Amino acid sequence: VSETNDIGLLIGEVTALDPDLGLNGELNYSIHWPPGQGPNPFEVNEKGELITRMPLDRENQPEGYHFIVSDS
């Protein structure tokens, strides 16, 4: 992903399956951001789409971004 891309860029999708029906089958995705890595420039929406929410900065994150997306 280029650091010159617009905010709101779709950069990936995550999927999870829950066999429960109704409210018990609804999934809520969240990003677990490691401490000390700086601000989180990503968000994950209810469809599991991973989107940029701020400019990416390679100079401040030369090793890239490392995080976990989970569902509940």
C-alpha atoms as a PDB file:
ATOM      1  CA  VAL A   1       0.000   0.000   0.000  1.00  0.00           C
ATOM      2  CA  SER A   2       1.468   3.332  -1.017  1.00  0.00           C
ATOM      3  CA  GLU A   3       1.757   6.063   1.597  1.00  0.00           C
ATOM      4  CA  THR A   4       0.340   8.530  -0.954  1.00  0.00           C
ATOM      5  CA  ASN A   5      -3.062   6.797  -1.135  1.00  0.00           C
ATOM      6  CA  ASP A   6      -6.222   8.522   0.022  1.00  0.00           C
ATOM      7  CA  ILE A   7      -7.730   8.062   3.455  1.00  0.00           C
ATOM      8  CA  GLY A   8     -10.561   5.538   3.235  1.00  0.00           C
ATOM      9  CA  LEU A   9      -8.676   3.181   0.907  1.00  0.00           C
ATOM     10  CA  LEU A  10      -9.828  -0.440   1.122  1.00  0.00           C
ATOM     11  CA  ILE A  11      -6.648  -2.467   1.637  1.00  0.00           C
ATOM     12  CA  GLY A  12      -8.048  -5.874   2.536  1.00  0.00           C
ATOM     13  CA  GLU A  13     -10.880  -7.915   3.990  1.00  0.00           C
ATOM     14  CA  VAL A  14     -11.189 -10.395   6.821  1.00  0.00           C
ATOM     15  CA  THR A  15     -13.897 -13.015   7.176  1.00  0.00           C
ATOM     16  CA  ALA A  16     -15.149 -15.138  10.028  1.00  0.00           C
ATOM     17  CA  LEU A  17     -18.032 -17.574  10.266  1.00  0.00           C
ATOM     18  CA  ASP A  18     -20.354 -18.116  13.197  1.00  0.00           C
ATOM     19  CA  PRO A  19     -22.887 -20.954  12.887  1.00  0.00           C
ATOM     20  CA  ASP A  20     -25.256 -19.324  15.401  1.00  0.00           C
ATOM     21  CA  LEU A  21     -28.411 -17.644  14.135  1.00  0.00           C
ATOM     22  CA  GLY A  22     -29.793 -14.227  15.029  1.00  0.00           C
ATOM     23  CA  LEU A  23     -27.990 -11.909  17.414  1.00  0.00           C
ATOM     24  CA  ASN A  24     -25.673 -14.715  18.546  1.00  0.00           C
ATOM     25  CA  GLY A  25     -24.407 -15.049  14.975  1.00  0.00           C
ATOM     26  CA  GLU A  26     -23.503 -11.392  14.500  1.00  0.00           C
ATOM     27  CA  LEU A  27     -19.797 -10.644  14.280  1.00  0.00           C
ATOM     28  CA  ASN A  28     -18.051  -7.494  15.460  1.00  0.00           C
ATOM     29  CA  TYR A  29     -14.528  -7.020  14.170  1.00  0.00           C
ATOM     30  CA  SER A  30     -11.861  -5.088  16.053  1.00  0.00           C
ATOM     31  CA  ILE A  31      -8.176  -4.283  15.666  1.00  0.00           C
ATOM     32  CA  HIS A  32      -5.770  -5.122  18.487  1.00  0.00           C
ATOM     33  CA  TRP A  33      -2.961  -2.600  18.130  1.00  0.00           C
ATOM     34  CA  PRO A  34       0.355  -3.320  19.888  1.00  0.00           C
ATOM     35  CA  PRO A  35       1.544  -0.708  22.385  1.00  0.00           C
ATOM     36  CA  GLY A  36       4.512   1.348  21.278  1.00  0.00           C
ATOM     37  CA  GLN A  37       3.756   1.053  17.573  1.00  0.00           C
ATOM     38  CA  GLY A  38       2.396   4.582  17.236  1.00  0.00           C
ATOM     39  CA  PRO A  39      -1.098   5.603  16.158  1.00  0.00           C
ATOM     40  CA  ASN A  40      -3.308   3.050  14.424  1.00  0.00           C
ATOM     41  CA  PRO A  41      -3.923   4.218  10.820  1.00  0.00           C
ATOM     42  CA  PHE A  42      -6.489   1.476  10.080  1.00  0.00           C
ATOM     43  CA  GLU A  43     -10.079   0.611  10.892  1.00  0.00           C
ATOM     44  CA  VAL A  44     -12.134  -2.504  10.256  1.00  0.00           C
ATOM     45  CA  ASN A  45     -15.843  -2.106   9.566  1.00  0.00           C
ATOM     46  CA  GLU A  46     -18.812  -4.419  10.183  1.00  0.00           C
ATOM     47  CA  LYS A  47     -18.235  -6.140   6.817  1.00  0.00           C
ATOM     48  CA  GLY A  48     -14.624  -6.967   7.730  1.00  0.00           C
ATOM     49  CA  GLU A  49     -13.157  -4.398   5.336  1.00  0.00           C
ATOM     50  CA  LEU A  50      -9.771  -3.044   6.419  1.00  0.00           C
ATOM     51  CA  ILE A  51      -9.578   0.664   5.553  1.00  0.00           C
ATOM     52  CA  THR A  52      -6.983   3.405   6.027  1.00  0.00           C
ATOM     53  CA  ARG A  53      -8.122   6.190   8.354  1.00  0.00           C
ATOM     54  CA  MET A  54      -4.997   8.346   8.246  1.00  0.00           C
ATOM     55  CA  PRO A  55      -1.956   8.679   5.983  1.00  0.00           C
ATOM     56  CA  LEU A  56       0.611   5.883   6.210  1.00  0.00           C
ATOM     57  CA  ASP A  57       4.161   6.924   7.068  1.00  0.00           C
ATOM     58  CA  ARG A  58       6.990   4.595   6.092  1.00  0.00           C
ATOM     59  CA  GLU A  59       9.609   6.810   7.726  1.00  0.00           C
ATOM     60  CA  ASN A  60       7.924   6.374  11.124  1.00  0.00           C
ATOM     61  CA  GLN A  61       7.072   2.675  10.520  1.00  0.00           C
ATOM     62  CA  PRO A  62      10.015   1.332   8.479  1.00  0.00           C
ATOM     63  CA  GLU A  63       9.237  -2.289   9.419  1.00  0.00           C
ATOM     64  CA  GLY A  64       5.588  -1.990   8.397  1.00  0.00           C
ATOM     65  CA  TYR A  65       2.484  -2.381  10.524  1.00  0.00           C
ATOM     66  CA  HIS A  66       1.781  -5.430  12.664  1.00  0.00           C
ATOM     67  CA  PHE A  67      -1.609  -5.974  14.285  1.00  0.00           C
ATOM     68  CA  ILE A  68      -4.342  -8.530  14.883  1.00  0.00           C
ATOM     69  CA  VAL A  69      -7.949  -8.344  13.713  1.00  0.00           C
ATOM     70  CA  SER A  70     -10.392 -10.372  15.788  1.00  0.00           C
ATOM     71  CA  ASP A  71     -14.132 -10.908  15.934  1.00  0.00           C
ATOM     72  CA  SER A  72     -16.534 -11.279  18.802  1.00  0.00           C
END
